[in-house]
Protein backbone atom coordinates (compact mmCIF):
# COMPACT_ATOMS: atom_id res chain seq x y z
CA UNK A 1 85.60 110.06 110.85
CA UNK A 2 83.67 107.11 109.36
CA UNK A 3 85.11 103.64 109.83
CA UNK A 4 86.19 101.31 107.02
CA UNK A 5 85.42 97.62 107.41
CA UNK A 6 86.73 94.52 105.63
CA UNK A 7 83.86 92.19 104.81
CA UNK A 8 85.60 89.55 102.71
CA UNK A 9 89.14 88.78 101.54
CA UNK A 10 90.18 86.17 99.00
CA UNK A 11 93.11 85.04 96.91
CA UNK A 12 93.94 82.41 94.36
CA UNK A 13 96.48 79.77 95.28
CA UNK A 14 99.85 80.78 93.86
CA UNK A 15 101.14 79.34 90.63
CA UNK A 16 104.83 78.83 89.93
CA UNK A 17 106.45 80.40 86.88
CA UNK A 18 105.34 78.30 83.92
CA UNK A 19 103.19 76.27 86.30
CA UNK A 20 99.54 75.50 86.91
CA UNK A 21 98.22 79.03 86.32
CA UNK A 22 100.38 79.72 83.27
CA UNK A 23 97.46 79.02 80.93
CA UNK A 24 95.18 81.62 82.54
CA UNK A 25 95.10 85.14 81.09
CA UNK A 26 95.74 87.69 83.88
CA UNK A 27 92.49 89.52 83.13
CA UNK A 28 90.54 86.32 83.73
CA UNK A 29 92.67 85.56 86.78
CA UNK A 30 91.69 88.92 88.27
CA UNK A 31 88.04 88.33 87.41
CA UNK A 32 88.12 85.09 89.46
CA UNK A 33 88.93 87.00 92.65
CA UNK A 34 86.47 89.81 91.88
CA UNK A 35 83.67 87.30 91.34
CA UNK A 36 84.57 85.41 94.52
CA UNK A 37 84.27 88.63 96.53
CA UNK A 38 80.76 89.19 95.21
CA UNK A 39 79.70 85.57 95.73
CA UNK A 40 81.13 85.11 99.22
CA UNK A 41 80.09 88.48 100.64
CA UNK A 42 76.61 88.50 99.11
CA UNK A 43 77.02 92.16 98.12
CA UNK A 44 74.75 93.47 95.39
CA UNK A 45 77.17 93.82 92.43
CA UNK A 46 75.48 97.07 91.42
CA UNK A 47 76.39 98.52 94.83
CA UNK A 48 80.14 98.45 94.16
CA UNK A 49 81.27 102.05 93.78
CA UNK A 50 84.76 101.30 92.50
CA UNK A 51 87.39 98.64 91.97
CA UNK A 52 91.01 99.59 92.75
CA UNK A 53 93.51 97.15 91.29
CA UNK A 54 97.23 96.83 91.90
CA UNK A 55 99.43 95.60 89.08
CA UNK A 56 103.15 96.21 88.63
CA UNK A 57 104.10 95.11 85.12
CA UNK A 58 101.42 96.93 83.18
CA UNK A 59 102.32 95.72 79.70
CA UNK A 60 101.12 93.15 77.20
CA UNK A 61 98.26 91.13 78.67
CA UNK A 62 98.31 93.40 81.75
CA UNK A 63 98.11 96.63 79.74
CA UNK A 64 95.09 98.77 78.88
CA UNK A 65 94.01 99.33 82.52
CA UNK A 66 93.73 95.75 83.73
CA UNK A 67 91.45 96.67 86.63
CA UNK A 68 88.78 97.76 84.19
CA UNK A 69 89.43 94.73 81.98
CA UNK A 70 88.92 92.48 85.02
CA UNK A 71 85.57 94.11 85.75
CA UNK A 72 84.47 93.61 82.14
CA UNK A 73 85.55 89.94 82.28
CA UNK A 74 83.71 89.39 85.56
CA UNK A 75 80.58 87.23 85.65
CA UNK A 76 78.91 89.41 88.28
CA UNK A 77 80.07 93.02 88.15
CA UNK A 78 78.10 95.16 85.68
CA UNK A 79 79.91 97.19 83.06
CA UNK A 80 78.81 100.29 84.96
CA UNK A 81 81.34 99.42 87.70
CA UNK A 82 84.32 101.81 87.55
CA UNK A 83 87.88 100.59 88.07
CA UNK A 84 91.39 102.02 88.28
CA UNK A 85 94.80 100.36 88.13
CA UNK A 86 97.66 101.55 90.34
CA UNK A 87 101.37 100.84 90.71
CA UNK A 88 103.14 101.20 94.04
CA UNK A 89 105.44 98.36 93.07
CA UNK A 90 105.17 95.37 95.43
CA UNK A 91 102.75 97.31 97.63
CA UNK A 92 100.33 98.07 94.80
CA UNK A 93 97.33 96.16 96.13
CA UNK A 94 98.10 97.04 99.75
CA UNK A 95 97.82 100.62 98.55
CA UNK A 96 94.59 99.59 96.81
CA UNK A 97 93.24 98.63 100.25
CA UNK A 98 94.34 101.97 101.65
CA UNK A 99 92.80 103.93 98.78
CA UNK A 100 89.59 101.94 99.21
CA UNK A 101 89.58 102.63 102.96
CA UNK A 102 90.29 106.33 102.40
CA UNK A 103 87.35 106.56 99.99
CA UNK A 104 85.06 104.97 102.56
CA UNK A 105 86.45 107.01 105.47
CA UNK A 106 86.02 110.23 103.49
CA UNK A 107 82.35 109.44 102.97
CA UNK A 108 82.65 109.69 99.20
CA UNK A 109 82.11 105.96 98.56
CA UNK A 110 80.52 103.10 100.51
CA UNK A 111 81.54 99.88 98.77
CA UNK A 112 84.97 99.46 97.17
CA UNK A 113 86.81 96.33 96.06
CA UNK A 114 90.59 96.50 96.48
CA UNK A 115 92.33 93.92 94.34
CA UNK A 116 95.54 92.90 92.66
CA UNK A 117 96.83 90.66 89.92
CA UNK A 118 100.14 89.58 88.43
CA UNK A 119 100.90 86.82 85.96
CA UNK A 120 104.67 86.76 86.21
CA UNK A 121 104.72 83.88 83.73
CA UNK A 122 102.80 85.63 80.96
CA UNK A 123 104.06 89.16 81.65
CA UNK A 124 107.61 88.75 82.99
CA UNK A 125 108.80 91.18 85.64
CA UNK A 126 110.30 94.38 84.25
CA UNK A 127 109.27 93.86 80.65
CA UNK A 128 107.30 97.11 80.70
CA UNK A 129 110.73 98.81 80.85
CA UNK A 130 113.09 96.37 79.15
CA UNK A 131 111.11 96.03 75.92
CA UNK A 132 111.31 99.80 75.42
CA UNK A 133 115.02 99.88 76.24
CA UNK A 134 115.71 97.14 73.69
CA UNK A 135 113.85 99.15 71.06
CA UNK A 136 115.88 102.27 71.85
CA UNK A 137 112.86 104.06 73.31
CA UNK A 138 114.59 105.31 76.42
CA UNK A 139 115.37 104.44 80.04
CA UNK A 140 113.41 105.32 83.19
CA UNK A 141 116.47 107.02 84.71
CA UNK A 142 116.22 110.61 83.54
CA UNK A 143 119.07 113.13 83.39
CA UNK A 144 117.66 114.80 86.50
CA UNK A 145 117.54 111.49 88.36
CA UNK A 146 121.07 110.63 87.24
CA UNK A 147 122.28 113.98 88.55
CA UNK A 148 120.85 113.24 92.00
CA UNK A 149 121.88 109.57 92.04
CA UNK A 150 124.94 109.39 89.76
CA UNK A 151 125.83 105.90 88.54
CA UNK A 152 123.43 104.38 91.09
CA UNK A 153 121.59 101.24 90.05
CA UNK A 154 118.25 100.88 91.79
CA UNK A 155 118.25 97.14 92.47
CA UNK A 156 116.16 95.20 94.95
CA UNK A 157 118.71 92.38 94.90
CA UNK A 158 121.47 94.80 95.87
CA UNK A 159 119.24 96.38 98.49
CA UNK A 160 118.52 93.01 100.06
CA UNK A 161 122.23 92.21 100.25
CA UNK A 162 122.87 95.63 101.81
CA UNK A 163 120.26 94.89 104.50
CA UNK A 164 121.82 91.50 105.24
CA UNK A 165 125.22 93.11 105.68
CA UNK A 166 123.98 96.15 107.62
CA UNK A 167 122.10 94.02 110.13
CA UNK A 168 124.74 91.31 110.33
CA UNK A 169 122.79 88.32 109.06
CA UNK A 170 124.69 85.25 107.92
CA UNK A 171 123.75 83.10 104.96
CA UNK A 172 122.90 80.35 107.45
CA UNK A 173 120.36 82.60 109.18
CA UNK A 174 118.76 83.46 105.84
CA UNK A 175 118.55 79.79 104.87
CA UNK A 176 117.02 78.86 108.23
CA UNK A 177 114.39 81.58 107.82
CA UNK A 178 113.56 80.26 104.34
CA UNK A 179 113.09 76.75 105.66
CA UNK A 180 110.78 78.01 108.40
CA UNK A 181 108.63 79.76 105.75
CA UNK A 182 108.12 76.42 104.00
CA UNK A 183 107.47 74.58 107.27
CA UNK A 184 104.76 77.05 108.27
CA UNK A 185 103.17 77.01 104.82
CA UNK A 186 103.17 73.21 104.83
CA UNK A 187 101.56 73.07 108.28
CA UNK A 188 98.94 75.66 107.30
CA UNK A 189 98.08 73.83 104.07
CA UNK A 190 97.79 70.46 105.76
CA UNK A 191 95.63 71.95 108.54
CA UNK A 192 93.26 73.58 106.01
CA UNK A 193 94.14 77.08 107.19
CA UNK A 194 93.94 78.51 103.65
CA UNK A 195 90.63 76.93 102.63
CA UNK A 196 88.45 79.94 103.45
CA UNK A 197 90.67 82.42 101.62
CA UNK A 198 91.56 80.49 98.46
CA UNK A 199 89.49 80.86 95.29
CA UNK A 200 89.59 77.66 93.22
CA UNK A 201 90.67 78.27 89.63
CA UNK A 202 89.78 75.80 86.89
CA UNK A 203 92.84 74.84 84.89
CA UNK A 204 93.66 72.47 82.06
CA UNK A 205 96.32 69.83 82.73
CA UNK A 206 97.64 66.89 80.68
CA UNK A 207 95.29 64.72 82.75
CA UNK A 208 92.24 66.90 82.11
CA UNK A 209 90.45 69.72 83.90
CA UNK A 210 91.34 70.32 87.55
CA UNK A 211 90.76 72.96 90.23
CA UNK A 212 93.90 74.75 91.39
CA UNK A 213 93.60 75.12 95.17
CA UNK A 214 97.08 74.55 96.66
CA UNK A 215 99.97 77.02 96.55
CA UNK A 216 102.34 75.54 94.01
CA UNK A 217 105.51 77.12 95.38
CA UNK A 218 105.53 75.23 98.67
CA UNK A 219 108.37 72.73 98.84
CA UNK A 220 106.79 69.92 100.83
CA UNK A 221 110.15 68.13 100.87
CA UNK A 222 112.19 71.20 101.86
CA UNK A 223 115.32 70.61 103.93
CA UNK A 224 117.98 72.94 105.27
CA UNK A 225 120.59 71.04 103.29
CA UNK A 226 118.66 71.50 100.08
CA UNK A 227 118.12 75.21 100.68
CA UNK A 228 121.76 75.72 101.67
CA UNK A 229 122.89 74.14 98.40
CA UNK A 230 121.13 76.63 96.12
CA UNK A 231 123.49 78.84 94.09
CA UNK A 232 124.11 82.39 95.32
CA UNK A 233 122.48 85.15 93.26
CA UNK A 234 125.70 87.14 93.60
CA UNK A 235 129.01 85.31 94.12
CA UNK A 236 129.93 87.90 96.76
CA UNK A 237 126.54 87.79 98.49
CA UNK A 238 124.45 85.71 100.89
CA UNK A 239 121.07 85.50 99.18
CA UNK A 240 119.91 82.69 96.90
CA UNK A 241 116.69 82.01 95.05
CA UNK A 242 115.75 79.84 98.03
CA UNK A 243 115.92 82.78 100.48
CA UNK A 244 114.03 85.11 98.13
CA UNK A 245 110.34 85.31 97.25
CA UNK A 246 109.18 83.05 94.47
CA UNK A 247 108.05 84.31 91.09
CA UNK A 248 104.32 83.68 91.14
CA UNK A 249 101.05 84.01 89.26
CA UNK A 250 97.95 85.01 91.20
CA UNK A 251 95.17 87.43 92.03
CA UNK A 252 93.45 88.56 95.22
CA UNK A 253 90.75 90.94 96.45
CA UNK A 254 89.36 92.57 99.59
CA UNK A 255 85.91 94.12 100.03
CA UNK A 256 86.02 97.41 101.99
CA UNK A 257 82.75 99.05 103.05
CA UNK A 258 81.28 101.74 105.29
CA UNK A 259 79.14 101.18 108.36
CA UNK A 260 76.15 102.40 106.39
CA UNK A 261 76.78 99.72 103.75
CA UNK A 262 77.03 97.04 106.45
CA UNK A 263 73.52 97.90 107.58
CA UNK A 264 72.03 98.55 104.15
CA UNK A 265 73.23 95.28 102.59
CA UNK A 266 73.19 93.07 105.70
CA UNK A 267 76.93 92.42 105.59
CA UNK A 268 79.03 90.88 108.36
CA UNK A 269 82.45 92.51 108.85
CA UNK A 270 85.60 90.46 109.36
CA UNK A 271 87.75 93.36 110.51
CA UNK A 272 87.93 97.09 111.12
CA UNK A 273 90.74 99.04 109.47
CA UNK A 274 92.59 100.66 112.36
CA UNK A 275 95.50 102.51 110.74
CA UNK A 276 96.81 103.40 107.28
CA UNK A 277 100.42 104.48 106.87
CA UNK A 278 102.81 104.91 103.98
CA UNK A 279 106.36 106.27 104.17
CA UNK A 280 109.40 106.56 101.93
CA UNK A 281 113.14 106.58 102.50
CA UNK A 282 116.43 105.54 100.94
CA UNK A 283 115.78 104.31 97.35
CA UNK A 284 119.11 102.47 97.20
CA UNK A 285 118.91 100.15 100.21
CA UNK A 286 115.23 100.41 99.31
CA UNK A 287 113.72 97.42 101.11
CA UNK A 288 114.46 98.61 104.66
CA UNK A 289 111.58 101.10 104.80
CA UNK A 290 109.03 98.75 106.47
CA UNK A 291 111.07 99.11 109.68
CA UNK A 292 110.54 102.85 109.85
CA UNK A 293 107.02 102.77 108.44
CA UNK A 294 106.05 100.39 111.25
CA UNK A 295 107.46 102.81 113.84
CA UNK A 296 105.32 105.58 112.42
CA UNK A 297 102.18 103.45 112.12
CA UNK A 298 102.38 102.29 115.73
CA UNK A 299 102.97 105.83 116.94
CA UNK A 300 99.99 107.15 114.99
CA UNK A 301 97.82 104.29 116.22
CA UNK A 302 98.90 104.81 119.83
CA UNK A 303 100.07 101.20 119.99
CA UNK A 304 103.19 99.20 120.79
CA UNK A 305 104.49 96.27 118.80
CA UNK A 306 103.42 93.84 121.53
CA UNK A 307 99.81 95.05 121.15
CA UNK A 308 99.74 93.39 117.73
CA UNK A 309 98.78 89.70 117.72
CA UNK A 310 99.87 88.69 114.20
CA UNK A 311 102.23 90.26 111.67
CA UNK A 312 102.40 89.80 107.90
CA UNK A 313 105.73 91.15 106.66
CA UNK A 314 106.29 90.33 103.01
CA UNK A 315 109.18 87.95 102.49
CA UNK A 316 110.59 89.64 99.41
CA UNK A 317 113.99 88.48 100.63
CA UNK A 318 114.77 86.81 103.96
CA UNK A 319 116.80 89.79 105.29
CA UNK A 320 113.74 92.06 105.16
CA UNK A 321 111.50 90.34 107.76
CA UNK A 322 114.59 89.43 109.80
CA UNK A 323 115.67 93.09 109.93
CA UNK A 324 112.07 94.06 110.75
CA UNK A 325 112.05 91.63 113.69
CA UNK A 326 115.40 92.93 114.94
CA UNK A 327 114.35 96.58 114.65
CA UNK A 328 110.90 96.27 116.21
CA UNK A 329 111.65 93.63 118.82
CA UNK A 330 108.58 91.74 117.61
CA UNK A 331 107.87 88.15 118.59
CA UNK A 332 108.99 85.88 115.70
CA UNK A 333 106.27 83.39 116.62
CA UNK A 334 103.67 85.98 115.55
CA UNK A 335 105.31 86.64 112.17
CA UNK A 336 103.91 85.09 108.98
CA UNK A 337 102.39 82.26 110.98
CA UNK A 338 101.13 80.50 107.85
CA UNK A 339 104.34 81.00 105.89
CA UNK A 340 105.32 83.80 103.56
CA UNK A 341 106.35 84.67 100.03
CA UNK A 342 109.49 82.51 100.15
CA UNK A 343 107.19 79.48 100.20
CA UNK A 344 103.88 80.83 98.92
CA UNK A 345 105.12 83.18 96.19
CA UNK A 346 105.04 86.91 95.60
CA UNK A 347 102.75 87.81 92.68
CA UNK A 348 103.88 91.48 92.78
CA UNK A 349 100.72 93.53 92.27
CA UNK A 350 98.53 90.90 93.94
CA UNK A 351 100.60 90.49 97.10
CA UNK A 352 99.06 93.31 99.14
CA UNK A 353 95.51 92.01 99.06
CA UNK A 354 96.88 88.45 99.17
CA UNK A 355 98.64 89.09 102.48
CA UNK A 356 95.55 90.82 103.86
CA UNK A 357 93.42 87.82 102.95
CA UNK A 358 95.82 85.57 104.84
CA UNK A 359 96.04 87.99 107.79
CA UNK A 360 92.32 88.49 108.43
CA UNK A 361 91.58 84.78 108.06
CA UNK A 362 94.49 83.92 110.37
CA UNK A 363 93.23 86.37 113.00
CA UNK A 364 89.85 84.68 112.90
CA UNK A 365 91.30 81.17 112.92
CA UNK A 366 93.58 81.86 115.90
CA UNK A 367 91.01 84.01 117.74
CA UNK A 368 93.31 87.05 117.74
CA UNK A 369 92.46 90.75 117.65
CA UNK A 370 95.05 92.99 116.00
CA UNK A 371 97.02 92.35 112.82
CA UNK A 372 99.71 94.41 111.10
CA UNK A 373 100.73 94.09 107.46
CA UNK A 374 103.73 95.74 105.83
CA UNK A 375 105.45 95.49 102.50
CA UNK A 376 108.81 96.67 101.16
CA UNK A 377 108.45 98.37 97.79
CA UNK A 378 110.63 99.50 94.91
CA UNK A 379 111.94 103.02 95.30
CA UNK A 380 112.25 102.82 99.08
CA UNK A 381 108.52 103.04 99.91
CA UNK A 382 106.56 100.97 102.45
CA UNK A 383 102.91 100.59 103.41
CA UNK A 384 101.64 99.55 106.84
CA UNK A 385 98.02 98.60 107.49
CA UNK A 386 96.74 97.71 110.96
CA UNK A 387 93.41 95.89 111.28
CA UNK A 388 91.25 94.81 114.20
CA UNK A 389 89.41 91.52 113.83
CA UNK A 390 85.70 91.55 114.67
């Protein structure tokens, strides 16, 4: 079977809700990452066979097939470049990578850009459903679904609390994990670890035009006391906004190509895609599936957890990566070494390619070989992608 290679991976620095990226239309935000892929890789724009874009809240400014809109807004990609927009919830752009890799591995395409975008400021989370509900246009839970899951509310917040209780994590452990996310993100930022992956975005501020290059969600003054003092999301629970991923605006992209394209266009690969896995399980506890998806991915790859040098496990809520560590027996020092979504933000549809950008650049920076990325997703689904740095 042909091999799929990652040639380039980029992301914008995250913007807080109502923050520095709030003035950028999500279509233009996506176009920034698409253009950066073309510029940094040196690929002939006409050679791109397809663009696969993840986006979760496909409404308003993110409606009308935003992947295609991003191509049309791009400075470099011709209008003859196809695009498709997909929704696998938080794993949307990780699935975009896997679809891109599958296209290349099948031999049907040679150059595919996987990408993602989410402006959670301009298109608030869930509004693609709530606006219709408010107008009396129906609810996603059908009679058939209600019959199978009577009176069940599919809630990620509830699922995260269920994981914390099931695995016996205290609020103190969750708060300590959150602080560590900020500490690692601070250290990475100050050391310049993100410089090669971040796409500068020109923004307007009260002081004039600036380039947005630093993740806005990082709390450079974070303390355990401050985190511990944040109000609980549920009075009966353990999770606060400080131990959950931050609402975030951003885009990201990864260039996936065949070996033939490497030779034809003189490209230098960053990594080889080693394994693609997706599984599904309990839609109520929902966010626990990365544990079992990782088991399957390692088995299919013929690997053990200790064979992996770096892990990116999305920090949707602190209990998720903590449960993943407990289940797999993985080394916590290899997990999210440059911080995670608690500090850096979780721009929903953009997070999959965002995490991959951080992972492949971290592998190169730390001179490591194998990386594993996994993401919990709404509905009890999880993707796992294993890459080998070159």
